[in-house]
Amino acid sequence: MTVFVSFSHDDAVAAGHILEGLAKSVQIAGWKDDADVTSTQAIGAQIRQKLSQASAVIVLVSRNALNSRWVQFEVGAAEGMGKRIIPVFIDGRGPEALPPWLATWKAMDVRGLSPERAAALIREILQQDS
């Protein structure tokens, strides 16, 4: 299974820990940082290409992610492609804080869990519904 993980660059450290745990059992489509983005393609085109390779999209929901235009772009593009979207709360408030562009999807809460446990729960959800 290949997943695309959407997160705010400001959450790169927390996202990196969760990505490490996820990468043990699923393939990650996308990139971890700016070094993974080539200058020959527009970022939006690269995002759409990586999304097309994924069977699901994990959105790491944080205060930063909710204010990120790129996270919103990724969710909109994924929805347009008919991808399964799984919001995962990593900080901030719970489902009541979700904006309309993310509120229609069933979310999971990993706030307060270790990155290893969070990754394990995300893997379980991916495997249950695949």
N, C-alpha and C. Protein backbone atom coordinates (compact mmCIF):
# COMPACT_ATOMS: atom_id res chain seq x y z
N MET A 1 0.85 -1.17 0.00
CA MET A 1 0.00 0.00 0.00
C MET A 1 0.89 1.23 0.00
N THR A 2 0.50 2.22 -0.77
CA THR A 2 1.22 3.48 -0.83
C THR A 2 0.32 4.59 -0.29
N VAL A 3 0.87 5.39 0.62
CA VAL A 3 0.12 6.50 1.18
C VAL A 3 0.87 7.81 0.95
N PHE A 4 0.11 8.88 0.83
CA PHE A 4 0.66 10.23 0.77
C PHE A 4 0.40 10.84 2.13
N VAL A 5 1.41 11.43 2.74
CA VAL A 5 1.24 12.04 4.05
C VAL A 5 1.34 13.56 3.88
N SER A 6 0.26 14.24 4.22
CA SER A 6 0.17 15.69 4.13
C SER A 6 0.38 16.29 5.51
N PHE A 7 1.31 17.25 5.59
CA PHE A 7 1.57 17.90 6.88
C PHE A 7 2.20 19.26 6.63
N SER A 8 2.15 20.11 7.63
CA SER A 8 2.78 21.42 7.55
C SER A 8 4.29 21.27 7.72
N HIS A 9 5.04 22.03 6.93
CA HIS A 9 6.49 22.04 7.06
C HIS A 9 6.90 22.38 8.50
N ASP A 10 6.09 23.18 9.18
CA ASP A 10 6.39 23.55 10.56
C ASP A 10 6.27 22.37 11.53
N ASP A 11 5.66 21.28 11.08
CA ASP A 11 5.52 20.07 11.89
C ASP A 11 6.46 18.96 11.41
N ALA A 12 7.52 19.34 10.71
CA ALA A 12 8.39 18.34 10.09
C ALA A 12 9.00 17.36 11.08
N VAL A 13 9.35 17.81 12.28
CA VAL A 13 9.97 16.91 13.26
C VAL A 13 8.96 15.85 13.70
N ALA A 14 7.77 16.28 14.12
CA ALA A 14 6.74 15.32 14.54
C ALA A 14 6.34 14.42 13.39
N ALA A 15 6.18 15.00 12.21
CA ALA A 15 5.81 14.21 11.03
C ALA A 15 6.89 13.18 10.72
N GLY A 16 8.14 13.59 10.83
CA GLY A 16 9.25 12.68 10.55
C GLY A 16 9.22 11.44 11.41
N HIS A 17 8.89 11.61 12.70
CA HIS A 17 8.83 10.46 13.61
C HIS A 17 7.69 9.51 13.19
N ILE A 18 6.56 10.07 12.84
CA ILE A 18 5.43 9.23 12.42
C ILE A 18 5.74 8.57 11.08
N LEU A 19 6.35 9.31 10.16
CA LEU A 19 6.72 8.75 8.85
C LEU A 19 7.68 7.58 9.00
N GLU A 20 8.63 7.70 9.91
CA GLU A 20 9.57 6.60 10.14
C GLU A 20 8.83 5.33 10.54
N GLY A 21 7.88 5.46 11.45
CA GLY A 21 7.10 4.30 11.87
C GLY A 21 6.23 3.74 10.78
N LEU A 22 5.62 4.62 9.99
CA LEU A 22 4.77 4.17 8.89
C LEU A 22 5.56 3.47 7.80
N ALA A 23 6.76 3.96 7.53
CA ALA A 23 7.57 3.43 6.43
C ALA A 23 7.97 1.97 6.65
N LYS A 24 7.78 1.47 7.85
CA LYS A 24 8.10 0.07 8.12
C LYS A 24 7.12 -0.89 7.45
N SER A 25 5.92 -0.40 7.13
CA SER A 25 4.93 -1.32 6.56
C SER A 25 4.16 -0.77 5.36
N VAL A 26 4.30 0.50 5.07
CA VAL A 26 3.64 1.08 3.90
C VAL A 26 4.63 1.92 3.12
N GLN A 27 4.40 2.06 1.84
CA GLN A 27 5.24 2.91 1.01
C GLN A 27 4.71 4.34 1.10
N ILE A 28 5.61 5.29 1.24
CA ILE A 28 5.23 6.69 1.35
C ILE A 28 5.44 7.37 0.01
N ALA A 29 4.37 7.96 -0.52
CA ALA A 29 4.46 8.77 -1.73
C ALA A 29 4.52 10.22 -1.29
N GLY A 30 5.46 10.96 -1.80
CA GLY A 30 5.61 12.35 -1.38
C GLY A 30 7.02 12.58 -0.90
N TRP A 31 7.20 13.61 -0.11
CA TRP A 31 8.54 13.95 0.35
C TRP A 31 8.48 14.46 1.76
N LYS A 32 9.66 14.43 2.40
CA LYS A 32 9.75 14.90 3.78
C LYS A 32 10.15 16.36 3.88
N ASP A 33 10.91 16.86 2.92
CA ASP A 33 11.36 18.24 3.05
C ASP A 33 11.65 18.85 1.69
N ASP A 34 12.08 20.10 1.70
CA ASP A 34 12.30 20.84 0.47
C ASP A 34 13.37 20.21 -0.41
N ALA A 35 14.30 19.45 0.16
CA ALA A 35 15.36 18.84 -0.64
C ALA A 35 14.81 17.78 -1.59
N ASP A 36 13.61 17.27 -1.31
CA ASP A 36 13.00 16.25 -2.15
C ASP A 36 12.24 16.85 -3.33
N VAL A 37 12.12 18.16 -3.41
CA VAL A 37 11.37 18.81 -4.46
C VAL A 37 12.35 19.25 -5.55
N THR A 38 12.15 18.76 -6.76
CA THR A 38 13.04 19.15 -7.85
C THR A 38 12.61 20.49 -8.41
N SER A 39 13.57 21.22 -8.92
CA SER A 39 13.26 22.55 -9.43
C SER A 39 12.72 22.52 -10.86
N THR A 40 12.76 21.36 -11.52
CA THR A 40 12.31 21.30 -12.91
C THR A 40 10.80 21.18 -13.06
N GLN A 41 10.11 20.86 -12.03
CA GLN A 41 8.65 20.73 -12.06
C GLN A 41 8.02 21.69 -11.06
N ALA A 42 6.88 22.18 -11.38
CA ALA A 42 6.14 23.00 -10.41
C ALA A 42 5.74 22.12 -9.23
N ILE A 43 5.75 22.70 -8.06
CA ILE A 43 5.42 21.94 -6.85
C ILE A 43 4.02 21.33 -6.96
N GLY A 44 3.05 22.09 -7.43
CA GLY A 44 1.68 21.57 -7.56
C GLY A 44 1.61 20.35 -8.44
N ALA A 45 2.35 20.36 -9.54
CA ALA A 45 2.36 19.20 -10.44
C ALA A 45 3.00 18.00 -9.76
N GLN A 46 4.06 18.24 -8.99
CA GLN A 46 4.70 17.14 -8.26
C GLN A 46 3.76 16.55 -7.22
N ILE A 47 3.05 17.41 -6.53
CA ILE A 47 2.09 16.94 -5.52
C ILE A 47 1.03 16.07 -6.18
N ARG A 48 0.45 16.54 -7.28
CA ARG A 48 -0.58 15.76 -7.97
C ARG A 48 -0.04 14.42 -8.45
N GLN A 49 1.20 14.41 -8.93
CA GLN A 49 1.81 13.16 -9.40
C GLN A 49 1.98 12.18 -8.25
N LYS A 50 2.47 12.66 -7.11
CA LYS A 50 2.65 11.79 -5.94
C LYS A 50 1.31 11.32 -5.39
N LEU A 51 0.32 12.20 -5.38
CA LEU A 51 -1.03 11.81 -4.93
C LEU A 51 -1.60 10.71 -5.82
N SER A 52 -1.34 10.79 -7.12
CA SER A 52 -1.89 9.79 -8.04
C SER A 52 -1.33 8.40 -7.75
N GLN A 53 -0.15 8.33 -7.14
CA GLN A 53 0.48 7.05 -6.81
C GLN A 53 -0.05 6.44 -5.52
N ALA A 54 -0.76 7.24 -4.73
CA ALA A 54 -1.18 6.81 -3.40
C ALA A 54 -2.59 6.22 -3.42
N SER A 55 -2.80 5.25 -2.55
CA SER A 55 -4.14 4.69 -2.39
C SER A 55 -4.91 5.39 -1.28
N ALA A 56 -4.18 6.11 -0.41
CA ALA A 56 -4.82 6.85 0.68
C ALA A 56 -3.96 8.06 1.02
N VAL A 57 -4.58 9.04 1.67
CA VAL A 57 -3.88 10.25 2.09
C VAL A 57 -4.07 10.41 3.60
N ILE A 58 -2.97 10.48 4.31
CA ILE A 58 -2.97 10.74 5.74
C ILE A 58 -2.70 12.22 5.91
N VAL A 59 -3.57 12.94 6.61
CA VAL A 59 -3.38 14.36 6.86
C VAL A 59 -3.05 14.51 8.34
N LEU A 60 -1.81 14.94 8.64
CA LEU A 60 -1.42 15.16 10.02
C LEU A 60 -1.95 16.53 10.44
N VAL A 61 -3.03 16.50 11.22
CA VAL A 61 -3.76 17.71 11.57
C VAL A 61 -3.14 18.37 12.81
N SER A 62 -2.74 19.61 12.62
CA SER A 62 -2.20 20.42 13.70
C SER A 62 -2.66 21.85 13.47
N ARG A 63 -2.35 22.72 14.42
CA ARG A 63 -2.65 24.14 14.21
C ARG A 63 -1.96 24.64 12.94
N ASN A 64 -0.71 24.23 12.77
CA ASN A 64 0.05 24.64 11.58
C ASN A 64 -0.58 24.11 10.30
N ALA A 65 -0.97 22.84 10.30
CA ALA A 65 -1.55 22.23 9.09
C ALA A 65 -2.86 22.91 8.70
N LEU A 66 -3.66 23.26 9.69
CA LEU A 66 -4.94 23.89 9.40
C LEU A 66 -4.77 25.28 8.78
N ASN A 67 -3.61 25.88 8.97
CA ASN A 67 -3.32 27.19 8.39
C ASN A 67 -2.44 27.11 7.14
N SER A 68 -2.12 25.92 6.70
CA SER A 68 -1.23 25.73 5.56
C SER A 68 -2.01 25.67 4.25
N ARG A 69 -1.67 26.53 3.32
CA ARG A 69 -2.34 26.48 2.01
C ARG A 69 -1.95 25.22 1.25
N TRP A 70 -0.74 24.69 1.49
CA TRP A 70 -0.33 23.47 0.80
C TRP A 70 -1.09 22.25 1.30
N VAL A 71 -1.32 22.17 2.61
CA VAL A 71 -2.12 21.05 3.13
C VAL A 71 -3.53 21.12 2.54
N GLN A 72 -4.10 22.31 2.52
CA GLN A 72 -5.43 22.46 1.93
C GLN A 72 -5.42 22.09 0.45
N PHE A 73 -4.39 22.49 -0.29
CA PHE A 73 -4.27 22.12 -1.70
C PHE A 73 -4.19 20.60 -1.86
N GLU A 74 -3.38 19.95 -1.03
CA GLU A 74 -3.21 18.50 -1.11
C GLU A 74 -4.51 17.77 -0.83
N VAL A 75 -5.24 18.22 0.17
CA VAL A 75 -6.53 17.59 0.49
C VAL A 75 -7.51 17.78 -0.66
N GLY A 76 -7.59 18.99 -1.20
CA GLY A 76 -8.49 19.25 -2.33
C GLY A 76 -8.14 18.43 -3.55
N ALA A 77 -6.84 18.33 -3.85
CA ALA A 77 -6.41 17.54 -5.01
C ALA A 77 -6.72 16.06 -4.79
N ALA A 78 -6.47 15.57 -3.58
CA ALA A 78 -6.75 14.16 -3.26
C ALA A 78 -8.23 13.87 -3.37
N GLU A 79 -9.05 14.78 -2.86
CA GLU A 79 -10.50 14.60 -2.94
C GLU A 79 -10.94 14.56 -4.40
N GLY A 80 -10.37 15.45 -5.21
CA GLY A 80 -10.69 15.48 -6.62
C GLY A 80 -10.32 14.19 -7.35
N MET A 81 -9.30 13.49 -6.84
CA MET A 81 -8.87 12.22 -7.42
C MET A 81 -9.61 11.03 -6.83
N GLY A 82 -10.52 11.30 -5.88
CA GLY A 82 -11.27 10.21 -5.26
C GLY A 82 -10.47 9.40 -4.25
N LYS A 83 -9.43 9.99 -3.69
CA LYS A 83 -8.58 9.28 -2.73
C LYS A 83 -9.24 9.22 -1.35
N ARG A 84 -8.94 8.18 -0.63
CA ARG A 84 -9.38 8.05 0.75
C ARG A 84 -8.52 9.00 1.59
N ILE A 85 -9.16 9.81 2.42
CA ILE A 85 -8.45 10.79 3.24
C ILE A 85 -8.69 10.47 4.70
N ILE A 86 -7.60 10.42 5.46
CA ILE A 86 -7.69 10.10 6.88
C ILE A 86 -7.01 11.23 7.67
N PRO A 87 -7.80 12.13 8.26
CA PRO A 87 -7.21 13.16 9.12
C PRO A 87 -6.74 12.52 10.43
N VAL A 88 -5.53 12.88 10.86
CA VAL A 88 -4.95 12.34 12.09
C VAL A 88 -4.51 13.52 12.96
N PHE A 89 -5.17 13.68 14.11
CA PHE A 89 -4.86 14.79 15.00
C PHE A 89 -3.53 14.54 15.71
N ILE A 90 -2.58 15.46 15.55
CA ILE A 90 -1.30 15.34 16.25
C ILE A 90 -1.11 16.43 17.30
N ASP A 91 -1.90 17.49 17.24
CA ASP A 91 -1.91 18.50 18.29
C ASP A 91 -3.15 19.37 18.14
N GLY A 92 -3.31 20.33 19.05
CA GLY A 92 -4.45 21.23 18.94
C GLY A 92 -5.74 20.60 19.44
N ARG A 93 -6.83 21.19 18.98
CA ARG A 93 -8.15 20.72 19.38
C ARG A 93 -8.56 19.52 18.53
N GLY A 94 -9.70 18.95 18.86
CA GLY A 94 -10.19 17.77 18.17
C GLY A 94 -11.07 18.08 16.97
N PRO A 95 -11.97 17.17 16.63
CA PRO A 95 -12.80 17.29 15.43
C PRO A 95 -13.59 18.59 15.32
N GLU A 96 -13.95 19.18 16.46
CA GLU A 96 -14.73 20.42 16.41
C GLU A 96 -13.95 21.56 15.76
N ALA A 97 -12.63 21.43 15.67
CA ALA A 97 -11.79 22.49 15.09
C ALA A 97 -11.57 22.31 13.59
N LEU A 98 -12.06 21.21 13.03
CA LEU A 98 -11.80 20.96 11.61
C LEU A 98 -12.55 21.95 10.72
N PRO A 99 -11.88 22.49 9.72
CA PRO A 99 -12.55 23.36 8.76
C PRO A 99 -13.41 22.52 7.81
N PRO A 100 -14.33 23.13 7.10
CA PRO A 100 -15.21 22.37 6.20
C PRO A 100 -14.46 21.50 5.18
N TRP A 101 -13.31 21.95 4.71
CA TRP A 101 -12.57 21.20 3.70
C TRP A 101 -11.97 19.91 4.24
N LEU A 102 -12.04 19.70 5.55
CA LEU A 102 -11.50 18.48 6.15
C LEU A 102 -12.50 17.76 7.04
N ALA A 103 -13.61 18.41 7.35
CA ALA A 103 -14.56 17.89 8.34
C ALA A 103 -15.39 16.70 7.87
N THR A 104 -15.43 16.42 6.60
CA THR A 104 -16.29 15.34 6.10
C THR A 104 -15.65 13.96 6.25
N TRP A 105 -14.40 13.92 6.63
CA TRP A 105 -13.68 12.64 6.70
C TRP A 105 -13.61 12.14 8.13
N LYS A 106 -13.68 10.84 8.31
CA LYS A 106 -13.54 10.24 9.65
C LYS A 106 -12.09 10.39 10.11
N ALA A 107 -11.93 11.01 11.28
CA ALA A 107 -10.60 11.32 11.79
C ALA A 107 -10.20 10.38 12.92
N MET A 108 -8.90 10.34 13.18
CA MET A 108 -8.40 9.60 14.33
C MET A 108 -7.50 10.52 15.14
N ASP A 109 -7.39 10.21 16.42
CA ASP A 109 -6.68 11.08 17.35
C ASP A 109 -5.47 10.33 17.91
N VAL A 110 -4.26 10.85 17.64
CA VAL A 110 -3.05 10.25 18.19
C VAL A 110 -2.32 11.23 19.11
N ARG A 111 -3.01 12.31 19.49
CA ARG A 111 -2.39 13.29 20.39
C ARG A 111 -2.00 12.60 21.70
N GLY A 112 -0.80 12.88 22.14
CA GLY A 112 -0.33 12.32 23.40
C GLY A 112 0.28 10.93 23.29
N LEU A 113 0.21 10.32 22.12
CA LEU A 113 0.79 8.99 21.94
C LEU A 113 2.23 9.12 21.45
N SER A 114 3.02 8.10 21.70
CA SER A 114 4.38 8.09 21.16
C SER A 114 4.29 7.99 19.63
N PRO A 115 5.30 8.47 18.92
CA PRO A 115 5.27 8.35 17.45
C PRO A 115 5.14 6.90 16.98
N GLU A 116 5.75 5.97 17.71
CA GLU A 116 5.66 4.56 17.34
C GLU A 116 4.23 4.05 17.47
N ARG A 117 3.58 4.41 18.57
CA ARG A 117 2.19 3.97 18.77
C ARG A 117 1.27 4.65 17.77
N ALA A 118 1.50 5.93 17.49
CA ALA A 118 0.69 6.65 16.51
C ALA A 118 0.81 5.97 15.14
N ALA A 119 2.03 5.66 14.73
CA ALA A 119 2.24 5.00 13.44
C ALA A 119 1.56 3.63 13.41
N ALA A 120 1.63 2.90 14.51
CA ALA A 120 1.00 1.58 14.57
C ALA A 120 -0.53 1.69 14.41
N LEU A 121 -1.14 2.67 15.07
CA LEU A 121 -2.59 2.86 14.94
C LEU A 121 -2.98 3.26 13.51
N ILE A 122 -2.19 4.13 12.90
CA ILE A 122 -2.47 4.53 11.52
C ILE A 122 -2.35 3.32 10.60
N ARG A 123 -1.32 2.50 10.79
CA ARG A 123 -1.17 1.28 9.98
C ARG A 123 -2.37 0.36 10.13
N GLU A 124 -2.86 0.21 11.38
CA GLU A 124 -4.03 -0.64 11.63
C GLU A 124 -5.25 -0.14 10.84
N ILE A 125 -5.49 1.17 10.87
CA ILE A 125 -6.63 1.74 10.14
C ILE A 125 -6.46 1.51 8.64
N LEU A 126 -5.28 1.70 8.14
CA LEU A 126 -5.03 1.50 6.71
C LEU A 126 -5.28 0.05 6.31
N GLN A 127 -4.85 -0.88 7.13
CA GLN A 127 -5.02 -2.30 6.83
C GLN A 127 -6.45 -2.76 6.97
N GLN A 128 -7.19 -2.22 7.95
CA GLN A 128 -8.60 -2.59 8.15
C GLN A 128 -9.45 -2.24 6.96
N ASP A 129 -9.24 -1.08 6.42
CA ASP A 129 -10.13 -0.58 5.39
C ASP A 129 -9.61 -0.78 3.97
N SER A 130 -8.50 -1.50 3.82
CA SER A 130 -7.98 -1.66 2.46
C SER A 130 -8.51 -2.91 1.80
